[in-house]
């Protein structure tokens, strides 16, 4: 009877998957790009029936919370990064909060203390900075380089004091920082390093993946990022203790970190009821050793992520190709634009194409943005710009180290456009032609 049931279930799944593939072909058929009418997005989801069928497969199991797909995703991403542990979270922002919170956990043998200082660049995303404040640490903002949008390491070195305990380093728009130099600073001064790789999945520095250098690293799987789970993120680490604490923090602070399923109701250790609380026998699943959160995604999302992970090499290749084409075309205007620079040892999986309008250019950033957006080409600022100027941080306990002149320049003059795999050759032609026409119009005005 069970064999017959299994055969029927497999047949029905196969029929459902076939119908989903048919539906995808109908619903998401390629739409013709019409220059000036169709939008050129800066980022977006790139998928086919494989993601939809993976999600359907998970949904038909109706396990919902992290399960077999989550386990497989964590294992495969860990192998890709060449790290020991990957723990899924419900967003990249949550991953950042989990990473900083793990370093501050009283369960961690080398934990940070309130008012310890953490160096991070002034040009950043809010939820890179926020976890530092939320854990009662003091962010120390340092300046950036205009052409990399990354932390100026000479400024970072000057910011180090006896209170400095960590560096939180985002690889801005996928562009890796000088990790040799940063890890040397970590070694010299005994500093923890967190890499924010939310924009940098697939980027390399030397022979290692971004995210494989620091004590912890974080990733985002938001739709605009390199792969997507809809909403999702991950924390990666080689440190067994930090992995255990992160697992606890994302699950309400629970002490137990066993894998649970219907076959293992007492966990993998079979010691569920062998603990005590206040002298009384206690269920280990309800023993809490951290002040935690609930930051787990659904297994449905992990199923989508697995299908996306299979496509990651192709996604990276396409991003590099789109970036190279834009760089070649826009190099003609480097007298007016500061184009992005990558370090010699970097192999960048670009999230986007950043640029800055030079101070002496005969046009402003606003004029260029209005032109591009008028031609349906999406643009974005470099995140929060100089985040110290944002109203949310007006009264925050932040230390500013040195001059933030370059950060102000980025806030005033910089922006980015897309290179994601959904941008095809026709769209790139339109983007390049739009820059060419803008520059030609500007030259005519300047010659009058």
Protein backbone atom coordinates (compact mmCIF):
# COMPACT_ATOMS: atom_id res chain seq x y z
CA UNK A 1 0.00 0.00 0.00
CA UNK A 2 2.81 2.37 0.90
CA UNK A 3 4.60 1.57 -2.38
CA UNK A 4 1.46 2.44 -4.34
CA UNK A 5 1.06 5.67 -2.38
CA UNK A 6 4.69 6.60 -3.09
CA UNK A 7 4.25 5.94 -6.80
CA UNK A 8 1.11 8.07 -6.92
CA UNK A 9 2.85 10.87 -5.06
CA UNK A 10 5.79 10.83 -7.47
CA UNK A 11 3.42 10.83 -10.44
CA UNK A 12 1.47 13.80 -9.08
CA UNK A 13 4.64 15.75 -8.31
CA UNK A 14 5.86 15.13 -11.84
CA UNK A 15 2.58 16.40 -13.25
CA UNK A 16 2.67 19.49 -11.03
CA UNK A 17 6.25 20.27 -12.05
CA UNK A 18 5.35 19.91 -15.72
CA UNK A 19 2.43 22.32 -15.32
CA UNK A 20 4.64 24.81 -13.45
CA UNK A 21 7.15 24.72 -16.30
CA UNK A 22 4.32 25.36 -18.75
CA UNK A 23 2.98 28.19 -16.56
CA UNK A 24 6.43 29.79 -16.34
CA UNK A 25 6.78 29.78 -20.13
CA UNK A 26 3.40 31.49 -20.43
CA UNK A 27 3.62 33.96 -17.55
CA UNK A 28 7.27 34.99 -17.81
CA UNK A 29 7.91 34.85 -21.54
CA UNK A 30 10.72 37.18 -22.59
CA UNK A 31 9.40 40.66 -23.26
CA UNK A 32 10.82 42.70 -26.10
CA UNK A 33 13.01 45.57 -24.94
CA UNK A 34 11.82 48.93 -26.26
CA UNK A 35 14.46 51.67 -25.81
CA UNK A 36 13.11 54.57 -23.81
CA UNK A 37 9.93 52.67 -22.95
CA UNK A 38 11.20 49.57 -21.16
CA UNK A 39 13.04 50.09 -17.89
CA UNK A 40 16.69 49.10 -17.52
CA UNK A 41 16.73 47.95 -13.92
CA UNK A 42 19.78 48.25 -11.68
CA UNK A 43 19.07 44.76 -10.33
CA UNK A 44 16.42 42.11 -10.10
CA UNK A 45 15.56 38.45 -9.90
CA UNK A 46 16.71 36.16 -12.71
CA UNK A 47 14.98 32.77 -12.60
CA UNK A 48 13.15 30.08 -14.54
CA UNK A 49 10.92 27.09 -13.80
CA UNK A 50 13.70 25.38 -11.80
CA UNK A 51 13.30 27.84 -8.89
CA UNK A 52 9.52 27.60 -9.07
CA UNK A 53 9.60 23.80 -9.10
CA UNK A 54 12.08 23.65 -6.22
CA UNK A 55 9.76 25.84 -4.18
CA UNK A 56 6.77 23.70 -5.15
CA UNK A 57 8.64 20.56 -4.12
CA UNK A 58 9.30 22.08 -0.70
CA UNK A 59 5.74 23.33 -0.39
CA UNK A 60 4.33 19.88 -1.17
CA UNK A 61 6.36 18.50 1.76
CA UNK A 62 4.82 21.30 3.87
CA UNK A 63 7.74 21.16 6.31
CA UNK A 64 7.92 25.02 6.10
CA UNK A 65 10.65 25.78 8.65
CA UNK A 66 14.30 25.06 7.82
CA UNK A 67 14.72 21.44 6.81
CA UNK A 68 16.37 19.38 4.10
CA UNK A 69 16.70 22.24 1.64
CA UNK A 70 18.16 24.52 4.31
CA UNK A 71 20.72 21.88 5.31
CA UNK A 72 21.74 21.34 1.69
CA UNK A 73 22.03 25.06 0.95
CA UNK A 74 24.19 25.68 4.02
CA UNK A 75 26.44 22.77 3.09
CA UNK A 76 26.84 23.82 -0.56
CA UNK A 77 27.48 27.49 0.21
CA UNK A 78 30.08 26.48 2.82
CA UNK A 79 31.86 24.41 0.16
CA UNK A 80 31.69 27.28 -2.33
CA UNK A 81 33.21 29.70 0.19
CA UNK A 82 35.59 27.04 1.59
CA UNK A 83 34.49 27.73 5.18
CA UNK A 84 33.41 25.32 7.94
CA UNK A 85 30.03 26.78 8.82
CA UNK A 86 27.20 28.61 7.05
CA UNK A 87 24.01 29.49 8.91
CA UNK A 88 21.01 30.78 6.99
CA UNK A 89 19.12 33.85 8.20
CA UNK A 90 16.01 35.68 7.03
CA UNK A 91 17.97 38.60 5.53
CA UNK A 92 21.43 40.05 5.07
CA UNK A 93 20.56 42.69 7.67
CA UNK A 94 19.71 39.92 10.14
CA UNK A 95 22.97 38.19 9.26
CA UNK A 96 24.85 41.38 10.18
CA UNK A 97 22.98 41.61 13.49
CA UNK A 98 23.65 37.94 14.25
CA UNK A 99 27.38 38.29 13.51
CA UNK A 100 27.90 41.32 15.75
CA UNK A 101 25.63 39.86 18.45
CA UNK A 102 27.63 36.61 18.43
CA UNK A 103 30.84 38.52 19.11
CA UNK A 104 29.09 40.28 22.00
CA UNK A 105 27.49 37.15 23.49
CA UNK A 106 28.49 36.33 27.06
CA UNK A 107 28.66 32.74 25.85
CA UNK A 108 31.63 33.68 23.66
CA UNK A 109 34.95 33.18 25.47
CA UNK A 110 36.46 36.34 23.90
CA UNK A 111 33.33 38.47 23.79
CA UNK A 112 33.25 42.19 23.13
CA UNK A 113 32.08 44.51 25.89
CA UNK A 114 29.80 47.56 25.86
CA UNK A 115 31.57 50.68 24.56
CA UNK A 116 34.23 48.69 22.73
CA UNK A 117 34.97 50.35 19.40
CA UNK A 118 34.38 48.92 15.94
CA UNK A 119 35.97 50.56 12.88
CA UNK A 120 33.77 50.76 9.79
CA UNK A 121 33.60 53.07 6.73
CA UNK A 122 31.40 56.15 6.69
CA UNK A 123 30.00 55.21 3.27
CA UNK A 124 27.91 52.22 4.17
CA UNK A 125 24.46 50.67 4.39
CA UNK A 126 22.40 51.36 7.53
CA UNK A 127 22.19 47.74 8.62
CA UNK A 128 25.96 47.40 8.52
CA UNK A 129 26.24 50.22 11.04
CA UNK A 130 23.10 49.54 13.09
CA UNK A 131 24.15 46.23 14.73
CA UNK A 132 27.17 47.96 16.22
CA UNK A 133 24.92 50.52 17.90
CA UNK A 134 22.27 47.93 18.81
CA UNK A 135 24.90 45.94 20.71
CA UNK A 136 26.03 49.02 22.69
CA UNK A 137 29.33 49.22 20.85
CA UNK A 138 30.77 52.45 19.48
CA UNK A 139 31.15 52.69 15.70
CA UNK A 140 34.26 54.52 14.58
CA UNK A 141 33.64 55.96 11.12
CA UNK A 142 36.61 56.37 8.78
CA UNK A 143 36.87 57.82 5.30
CA UNK A 144 36.71 55.91 2.01
CA UNK A 145 38.44 56.02 -1.37
CA UNK A 146 36.30 57.64 -4.05
CA UNK A 147 37.27 55.22 -6.83
CA UNK A 148 36.76 52.00 -4.83
CA UNK A 149 34.08 53.26 -2.41
CA UNK A 150 35.87 51.10 0.16
CA UNK A 151 37.45 51.94 3.48
CA UNK A 152 40.65 54.01 3.33
CA UNK A 153 43.04 51.71 5.21
CA UNK A 154 45.43 54.53 6.09
CA UNK A 155 42.50 56.20 7.86
CA UNK A 156 41.58 52.90 9.52
CA UNK A 157 45.10 52.49 10.90
CA UNK A 158 45.01 55.97 12.42
CA UNK A 159 41.64 55.21 14.04
CA UNK A 160 42.91 52.26 16.08
CA UNK A 161 43.14 52.83 19.84
CA UNK A 162 43.28 50.56 22.88
CA UNK A 163 39.45 50.55 22.76
CA UNK A 164 39.34 49.17 19.20
CA UNK A 165 38.23 45.54 19.17
CA UNK A 166 36.87 44.88 15.68
CA UNK A 167 36.68 45.99 12.05
CA UNK A 168 33.41 45.65 10.15
CA UNK A 169 34.37 45.87 6.50
CA UNK A 170 31.83 45.92 3.66
CA UNK A 171 33.03 45.00 0.17
CA UNK A 172 31.14 47.85 -1.45
CA UNK A 173 29.17 46.86 -4.56
CA UNK A 174 31.16 43.62 -4.70
CA UNK A 175 34.60 45.27 -4.81
CA UNK A 176 36.91 43.50 -2.32
CA UNK A 177 38.99 45.45 0.16
CA UNK A 178 42.69 44.76 0.62
CA UNK A 179 42.19 41.72 2.84
CA UNK A 180 45.92 41.07 3.21
CA UNK A 181 46.29 44.47 4.85
CA UNK A 182 43.13 44.14 6.93
CA UNK A 183 44.05 40.71 8.28
CA UNK A 184 47.54 42.01 9.06
CA UNK A 185 45.93 44.78 11.10
CA UNK A 186 43.76 42.17 12.81
CA UNK A 187 46.79 40.09 13.69
CA UNK A 188 48.85 43.04 14.91
CA UNK A 189 46.17 44.57 17.12
CA UNK A 190 44.10 41.52 18.05
CA UNK A 191 40.99 42.71 16.21
CA UNK A 192 38.00 40.69 15.08
CA UNK A 193 37.10 41.09 11.40
CA UNK A 194 33.56 40.84 10.03
CA UNK A 195 33.25 40.95 6.24
CA UNK A 196 29.96 42.32 4.93
CA UNK A 197 29.67 40.40 1.65
CA UNK A 198 26.02 41.21 1.04
CA UNK A 199 27.04 42.69 -2.34
CA UNK A 200 30.04 40.45 -2.96
CA UNK A 201 29.03 36.81 -3.38
CA UNK A 202 31.51 35.27 -5.82
CA UNK A 203 34.14 38.03 -5.55
CA UNK A 204 37.67 36.90 -4.80
CA UNK A 205 40.74 38.46 -3.29
CA UNK A 206 43.79 36.44 -4.27
CA UNK A 207 42.83 32.77 -4.24
CA UNK A 208 40.13 33.09 -1.57
CA UNK A 209 36.48 34.00 -1.80
CA UNK A 210 35.31 37.24 -0.22
CA UNK A 211 33.88 36.09 3.08
CA UNK A 212 36.60 33.51 3.73
CA UNK A 213 39.06 35.90 5.42
CA UNK A 214 37.37 37.34 8.50
CA UNK A 215 36.30 35.71 11.74
CA UNK A 216 32.74 36.04 10.41
CA UNK A 217 31.14 37.12 7.15
CA UNK A 218 27.62 37.91 6.02
CA UNK A 219 25.62 37.56 2.81
CA UNK A 220 22.28 38.76 1.45
CA UNK A 221 19.88 36.98 -0.88
CA UNK A 222 17.53 39.89 -1.55
CA UNK A 223 16.12 39.89 -5.14
CA UNK A 224 18.63 42.50 -6.39
CA UNK A 225 21.63 40.53 -5.13
CA UNK A 226 23.78 37.88 -6.80
CA UNK A 227 21.33 35.11 -5.97
CA UNK A 228 17.95 35.40 -4.30
CA UNK A 229 15.69 33.65 -1.83
CA UNK A 230 13.20 36.52 -1.98
CA UNK A 231 14.36 37.56 1.48
CA UNK A 232 17.32 35.75 2.99
CA UNK A 233 20.86 35.97 4.25
CA UNK A 234 23.66 33.91 5.78
CA UNK A 235 26.48 34.05 8.30
CA UNK A 236 29.72 32.20 7.51
CA UNK A 237 32.55 31.37 9.91
CA UNK A 238 35.39 28.90 10.51
CA UNK A 239 35.02 29.34 14.28
CA UNK A 240 33.10 26.46 15.92
CA UNK A 241 32.25 28.51 19.00
CA UNK A 242 30.89 31.46 17.01
CA UNK A 243 28.89 29.09 14.79
CA UNK A 244 27.25 27.51 17.84
CA UNK A 245 26.41 30.92 19.32
CA UNK A 246 25.05 32.22 16.00
CA UNK A 247 22.82 29.14 15.73
CA UNK A 248 21.51 29.88 19.22
CA UNK A 249 20.95 33.57 18.53
CA UNK A 250 18.91 32.95 15.36
CA UNK A 251 16.70 30.47 17.31
CA UNK A 252 15.49 32.58 20.25
CA UNK A 253 18.75 32.08 22.19
CA UNK A 254 18.07 28.38 22.66
CA UNK A 255 20.92 26.36 24.16
CA UNK A 256 20.17 23.29 22.07
CA UNK A 257 21.63 23.27 18.58
CA UNK A 258 20.62 19.73 17.57
CA UNK A 259 18.94 18.98 14.24
CA UNK A 260 15.29 18.18 14.89
CA UNK A 261 12.87 16.25 12.75
CA UNK A 262 10.15 13.64 13.10
CA UNK A 263 12.74 10.83 13.16
CA UNK A 264 14.76 12.51 15.92
CA UNK A 265 12.25 13.93 18.44
CA UNK A 266 14.95 13.98 21.12
CA UNK A 267 17.55 15.64 18.88
CA UNK A 268 20.70 14.12 17.46
CA UNK A 269 22.33 13.90 20.91
CA UNK A 270 19.40 12.02 22.56
CA UNK A 271 20.03 14.06 25.72
CA UNK A 272 16.97 16.30 25.54
CA UNK A 273 15.66 15.54 29.03
CA UNK A 274 19.00 15.13 30.82
CA UNK A 275 19.42 18.80 31.81
CA UNK A 276 18.44 20.80 34.88
CA UNK A 277 17.25 24.35 35.47
CA UNK A 278 17.27 25.70 39.02
CA UNK A 279 17.78 22.17 40.26
CA UNK A 280 14.77 20.80 38.37
CA UNK A 281 14.78 18.39 35.41
CA UNK A 282 14.39 20.47 32.26
CA UNK A 283 13.76 20.03 28.54
CA UNK A 284 16.95 21.24 26.82
CA UNK A 285 14.89 22.65 23.95
CA UNK A 286 13.58 25.24 26.40
CA UNK A 287 16.89 26.18 27.97
CA UNK A 288 18.17 29.59 26.81
CA UNK A 289 21.79 30.71 26.99
CA UNK A 290 21.59 33.84 24.82
CA UNK A 291 19.26 36.81 24.44
CA UNK A 292 18.34 35.85 20.91
CA UNK A 293 15.98 36.43 18.02
CA UNK A 294 13.93 34.41 15.55
CA UNK A 295 15.85 34.96 12.32
CA UNK A 296 15.44 31.73 10.37
CA UNK A 297 14.07 31.69 6.81
CA UNK A 298 11.65 29.13 5.41
CA UNK A 299 12.78 25.88 3.79
CA UNK A 300 10.80 27.09 0.77
CA UNK A 301 13.25 29.98 0.44
CA UNK A 302 16.24 27.68 0.79
CA UNK A 303 14.82 25.54 -2.04
CA UNK A 304 14.75 28.63 -4.26
CA UNK A 305 18.26 29.52 -3.15
CA UNK A 306 19.61 26.09 -4.07
CA UNK A 307 18.32 26.44 -7.62
CA UNK A 308 19.90 29.90 -7.76
CA UNK A 309 23.20 28.63 -6.37
CA UNK A 310 23.49 26.23 -9.32
CA UNK A 311 23.31 29.26 -11.63
CA UNK A 312 25.77 31.42 -9.67
CA UNK A 313 28.82 30.79 -11.95
CA UNK A 314 26.79 31.94 -14.97
CA UNK A 315 25.44 34.93 -13.07
CA UNK A 316 28.96 35.99 -12.07
CA UNK A 317 30.20 35.60 -15.67
CA UNK A 318 27.37 37.78 -16.99
CA UNK A 319 27.94 40.49 -14.36
CA UNK A 320 31.63 40.63 -15.29
CA UNK A 321 30.82 40.84 -19.00
CA UNK A 322 28.29 43.65 -18.50
CA UNK A 323 30.71 45.54 -16.26
CA UNK A 324 33.57 45.20 -18.78
CA UNK A 325 31.42 46.49 -21.62
CA UNK A 326 30.30 49.52 -19.62
CA UNK A 327 33.83 50.24 -18.42
CA UNK A 328 35.20 50.19 -21.96
CA UNK A 329 32.47 52.52 -23.23
CA UNK A 330 32.51 54.96 -20.31
CA UNK A 331 36.31 55.22 -20.27
CA UNK A 332 35.86 57.74 -23.09
CA UNK A 333 34.44 60.13 -20.49
CA UNK A 334 36.94 59.66 -17.69
CA UNK A 335 37.76 63.36 -17.90
CA UNK A 336 34.29 63.93 -16.41
CA UNK A 337 33.68 60.67 -14.53
CA UNK A 338 35.68 58.83 -11.86
CA UNK A 339 35.31 55.20 -12.91
CA UNK A 340 35.53 52.27 -10.47
CA UNK A 341 38.90 50.82 -9.55
CA UNK A 342 39.52 47.29 -8.32
CA UNK A 343 42.70 46.14 -6.58
CA UNK A 344 45.24 44.13 -8.57
CA UNK A 345 44.60 40.97 -6.53
CA UNK A 346 40.82 41.26 -6.81
CA UNK A 347 38.56 39.28 -9.10
CA UNK A 348 35.28 41.16 -8.73
CA UNK A 349 31.78 39.78 -9.00
CA UNK A 350 30.30 43.23 -9.45
CA UNK A 351 26.96 44.04 -7.85
CA UNK A 352 26.69 47.25 -9.88
CA UNK A 353 28.70 49.83 -11.82
CA UNK A 354 29.60 52.81 -9.59
CA UNK A 355 30.92 56.15 -10.81
CA UNK A 356 31.42 59.69 -9.58
CA UNK A 357 30.96 62.96 -11.42
CA UNK A 358 34.21 64.92 -11.17
CA UNK A 359 34.10 68.23 -9.34
CA UNK A 360 35.18 70.15 -12.47
CA UNK A 361 32.73 68.40 -14.81
CA UNK A 362 30.51 70.77 -16.85
CA UNK A 363 27.42 69.04 -15.44
CA UNK A 364 26.17 67.92 -12.05
CA UNK A 365 25.26 64.45 -10.84
CA UNK A 366 21.65 65.59 -10.64
CA UNK A 367 21.62 66.56 -14.31
CA UNK A 368 23.07 63.19 -15.34
CA UNK A 369 20.66 61.24 -13.10
CA UNK A 370 17.66 63.11 -14.46
CA UNK A 371 18.80 62.37 -18.01
CA UNK A 372 19.31 58.64 -17.32
CA UNK A 373 16.08 58.22 -15.39
CA UNK A 374 14.24 60.12 -18.12
CA UNK A 375 15.46 57.42 -20.50
CA UNK A 376 14.19 54.69 -18.16
CA UNK A 377 17.66 53.75 -16.88
CA UNK A 378 17.55 53.10 -13.15
CA UNK A 379 20.17 54.70 -10.92
CA UNK A 380 20.89 54.50 -7.20
CA UNK A 381 23.01 56.44 -4.72
CA UNK A 382 25.93 54.67 -3.02
CA UNK A 383 23.67 53.50 -0.22
CA UNK A 384 23.46 56.07 2.60
CA UNK A 385 26.34 58.22 1.32
CA UNK A 386 28.18 59.63 4.33
CA UNK A 387 25.97 57.93 6.88
CA UNK A 388 27.02 60.34 9.62
CA UNK A 389 24.90 62.96 7.81
CA UNK A 390 21.74 60.85 7.89
CA UNK A 391 19.06 62.09 10.35
CA UNK A 392 18.76 58.71 12.10
CA UNK A 393 22.31 59.07 13.46
CA UNK A 394 22.17 62.69 14.56
CA UNK A 395 22.39 61.82 18.26
CA UNK A 396 23.93 58.35 17.96
CA UNK A 397 27.02 57.45 19.98
CA UNK A 398 29.44 57.46 17.03
CA UNK A 399 33.10 58.47 16.92
CA UNK A 400 34.36 60.03 13.70
CA UNK A 401 38.05 59.50 13.09
CA UNK A 402 39.78 62.01 10.85
CA UNK A 403 38.35 63.84 7.89
CA UNK A 404 35.44 62.34 5.95
CA UNK A 405 36.01 64.46 2.86
CA UNK A 406 35.93 61.57 0.40
CA UNK A 407 32.76 60.24 1.99
CA UNK A 408 31.18 63.65 1.44
CA UNK A 409 32.37 63.55 -2.19
CA UNK A 410 30.74 60.15 -2.69
CA UNK A 411 27.54 61.44 -1.12
CA UNK A 412 27.61 64.51 -3.38
CA UNK A 413 28.79 63.06 -6.70
CA UNK A 414 28.54 59.27 -6.84
CA UNK A 415 25.87 56.81 -8.01
CA UNK A 416 25.57 53.41 -9.67
CA UNK A 417 23.81 51.68 -12.54
CA UNK A 418 23.12 47.99 -13.08
CA UNK A 419 25.18 45.09 -14.42
CA UNK A 420 22.96 42.23 -13.24
CA UNK A 421 22.39 39.21 -15.52
CA UNK A 422 18.95 40.42 -16.57
CA UNK A 423 20.57 43.22 -18.60
CA UNK A 424 21.14 42.05 -22.16
CA UNK A 425 23.11 43.48 -25.08
CA UNK A 426 20.27 45.66 -26.37
CA UNK A 427 19.83 47.25 -22.96
CA UNK A 428 23.56 47.89 -22.64
CA UNK A 429 23.52 49.51 -26.09
CA UNK A 430 20.78 51.82 -24.87
CA UNK A 431 22.67 52.71 -21.69
CA UNK A 432 25.89 53.44 -23.60
CA UNK A 433 24.05 55.45 -26.28
CA UNK A 434 22.34 57.46 -23.53
CA UNK A 435 25.67 58.40 -21.96
CA UNK A 436 27.06 59.24 -25.39
CA UNK A 437 24.13 61.53 -26.20
CA UNK A 438 24.30 63.24 -22.81
CA UNK A 439 28.02 63.92 -23.17
CA UNK A 440 27.55 65.21 -26.72
CA UNK A 441 24.78 67.56 -25.60
CA UNK A 442 26.95 68.77 -22.71
CA UNK A 443 29.88 69.43 -25.06
CA UNK A 444 27.64 71.50 -27.36
CA UNK A 445 26.40 73.61 -24.44
CA UNK A 446 29.95 74.13 -23.17
CA UNK A 447 31.17 75.31 -26.59
CA UNK A 448 28.57 78.07 -26.90
